[in-house]
C-alpha cells in the first residue's frame, strides 16, 4: 500500500456520515497501478463475512460543485521523507529469505 508522505501511515480512508458511522465505502491507495487491477480481480464480489460480499473497483475522480482549489502542500521533514521512501522501497523489494 502507498504510504502518506506527511504521516508515514498507509493511505486508507473509511468514509463516515455526520454521526461518525461508516457509510459503507472506503478508499485505499496503492503504490502501483497494477495493484489496483489485482485487488479488483482478487477481491471484487468476495465475502468478508458469510453473506457480506464486497465490491472493489477503481476510483473514479470527478469535480464536485464549485471551483477547484488545490490542496496546500505540507512541509515534510527530509529525514521523515527518506524513511517513508525507504519503507516503500522495502515493500517493493523481493525478499528471498536467508536461503536465497
Protein backbone atom coordinates (compact mmCIF):
# COMPACT_ATOMS: atom_id res chain seq x y z
CA UNK A 1 0.00 0.00 0.00
CA UNK A 2 1.03 3.55 -0.58
CA UNK A 3 2.27 5.47 2.44
CA UNK A 4 1.17 9.04 3.06
CA UNK A 5 4.28 11.23 2.74
CA UNK A 6 3.11 13.50 5.55
CA UNK A 7 2.10 10.95 8.17
CA UNK A 8 4.00 7.84 7.08
CA UNK A 9 0.79 5.83 7.52
CA UNK A 10 -0.91 3.63 4.94
CA UNK A 11 -3.36 5.53 2.74
CA UNK A 12 -6.69 4.07 3.81
CA UNK A 13 -9.82 6.14 4.33
CA UNK A 14 -13.19 4.87 5.54
CA UNK A 15 -15.93 7.34 4.72
CA UNK A 16 -18.35 8.19 7.54
CA UNK A 17 -21.62 10.11 7.85
CA UNK A 18 -22.21 13.14 10.07
CA UNK A 19 -22.58 10.90 13.14
CA UNK A 20 -19.27 9.12 12.52
CA UNK A 21 -20.91 5.86 11.39
CA UNK A 22 -19.20 4.19 8.39
CA UNK A 23 -21.15 4.76 5.16
CA UNK A 24 -20.00 1.51 3.59
CA UNK A 25 -17.31 2.75 1.25
CA UNK A 26 -13.61 3.40 1.56
CA UNK A 27 -10.51 4.31 -0.41
CA UNK A 28 -7.16 2.52 -0.42
CA UNK A 29 -4.04 3.96 -2.05
CA UNK A 30 -1.66 1.59 -3.84
CA UNK A 31 1.92 2.24 -4.93
CA UNK A 32 1.46 0.62 -8.34
CA UNK A 33 -1.42 0.77 -10.85
CA UNK A 34 -1.11 -3.00 -11.32
CA UNK A 35 -2.00 -3.47 -7.65
CA UNK A 36 -5.38 -1.83 -8.27
CA UNK A 37 -6.17 -4.30 -11.07
CA UNK A 38 -5.05 -7.19 -8.89
CA UNK A 39 -7.22 -6.04 -5.97
CA UNK A 40 -10.25 -5.80 -8.27
CA UNK A 41 -9.59 -9.25 -9.75
CA UNK A 42 -8.98 -10.94 -6.41
CA UNK A 43 -11.40 -9.17 -4.07
CA UNK A 44 -14.43 -7.98 -6.05
CA UNK A 45 -17.58 -9.91 -5.07
CA UNK A 46 -15.79 -11.86 -2.32
CA UNK A 47 -17.39 -12.45 1.08
CA UNK A 48 -15.66 -10.76 4.00
CA UNK A 49 -18.17 -12.49 6.28
CA UNK A 50 -20.76 -15.10 5.37
CA UNK A 51 -23.48 -13.28 3.41
CA UNK A 52 -21.50 -9.99 3.17
CA UNK A 53 -19.94 -9.50 -0.26
CA UNK A 54 -17.76 -6.53 -1.06
CA UNK A 55 -17.48 -4.58 -4.29
CA UNK A 56 -13.98 -3.49 -5.32
CA UNK A 57 -13.49 -1.09 -8.22
CA UNK A 58 -11.00 1.54 -9.34
CA UNK A 59 -11.77 5.05 -8.15
CA UNK A 60 -13.47 7.47 -10.49
CA UNK A 61 -12.49 11.06 -9.88
CA UNK A 62 -14.83 13.93 -10.64
CA UNK A 63 -15.05 17.52 -9.55
CA UNK A 64 -17.86 18.21 -7.11
CA UNK A 65 -19.54 21.63 -7.40
CA UNK A 66 -17.62 24.86 -7.07
CA UNK A 67 -14.22 25.96 -8.23
CA UNK A 68 -11.20 23.71 -7.94
CA UNK A 69 -8.97 24.69 -5.02
CA UNK A 70 -5.66 22.81 -4.94
CA UNK A 71 -4.59 21.40 -1.61
CA UNK A 72 -1.84 23.34 0.11
CA UNK A 73 1.43 21.48 0.33
CA UNK A 74 2.53 20.50 3.79
CA UNK A 75 6.15 20.70 4.85
CA UNK A 76 7.73 17.31 5.35
CA UNK A 77 10.95 16.78 7.24
CA UNK A 78 13.60 15.45 4.86
CA UNK A 79 14.59 12.65 7.25
CA UNK A 80 10.96 11.54 7.60
CA UNK A 81 10.58 11.59 3.80
CA UNK A 82 13.70 9.41 3.43
CA UNK A 83 12.29 6.94 5.99
CA UNK A 84 8.99 6.73 4.11
CA UNK A 85 10.73 6.23 0.77
CA UNK A 86 12.95 3.52 2.28
CA UNK A 87 9.88 1.73 3.64
CA UNK A 88 8.15 1.91 0.26
CA UNK A 89 11.26 0.50 -1.44
CA UNK A 90 11.42 -2.27 1.16
CA UNK A 91 7.80 -3.16 0.43
CA UNK A 92 8.50 -3.23 -3.31
CA UNK A 93 11.65 -5.33 -2.90
CA UNK A 94 11.93 -9.05 -3.37
CA UNK A 95 12.92 -10.84 -0.16
CA UNK A 96 14.27 -14.32 -0.86
CA UNK A 97 14.95 -15.04 2.81
CA UNK A 98 18.09 -16.46 4.36
CA UNK A 99 18.37 -19.38 1.94
CA UNK A 100 18.27 -17.26 -1.20
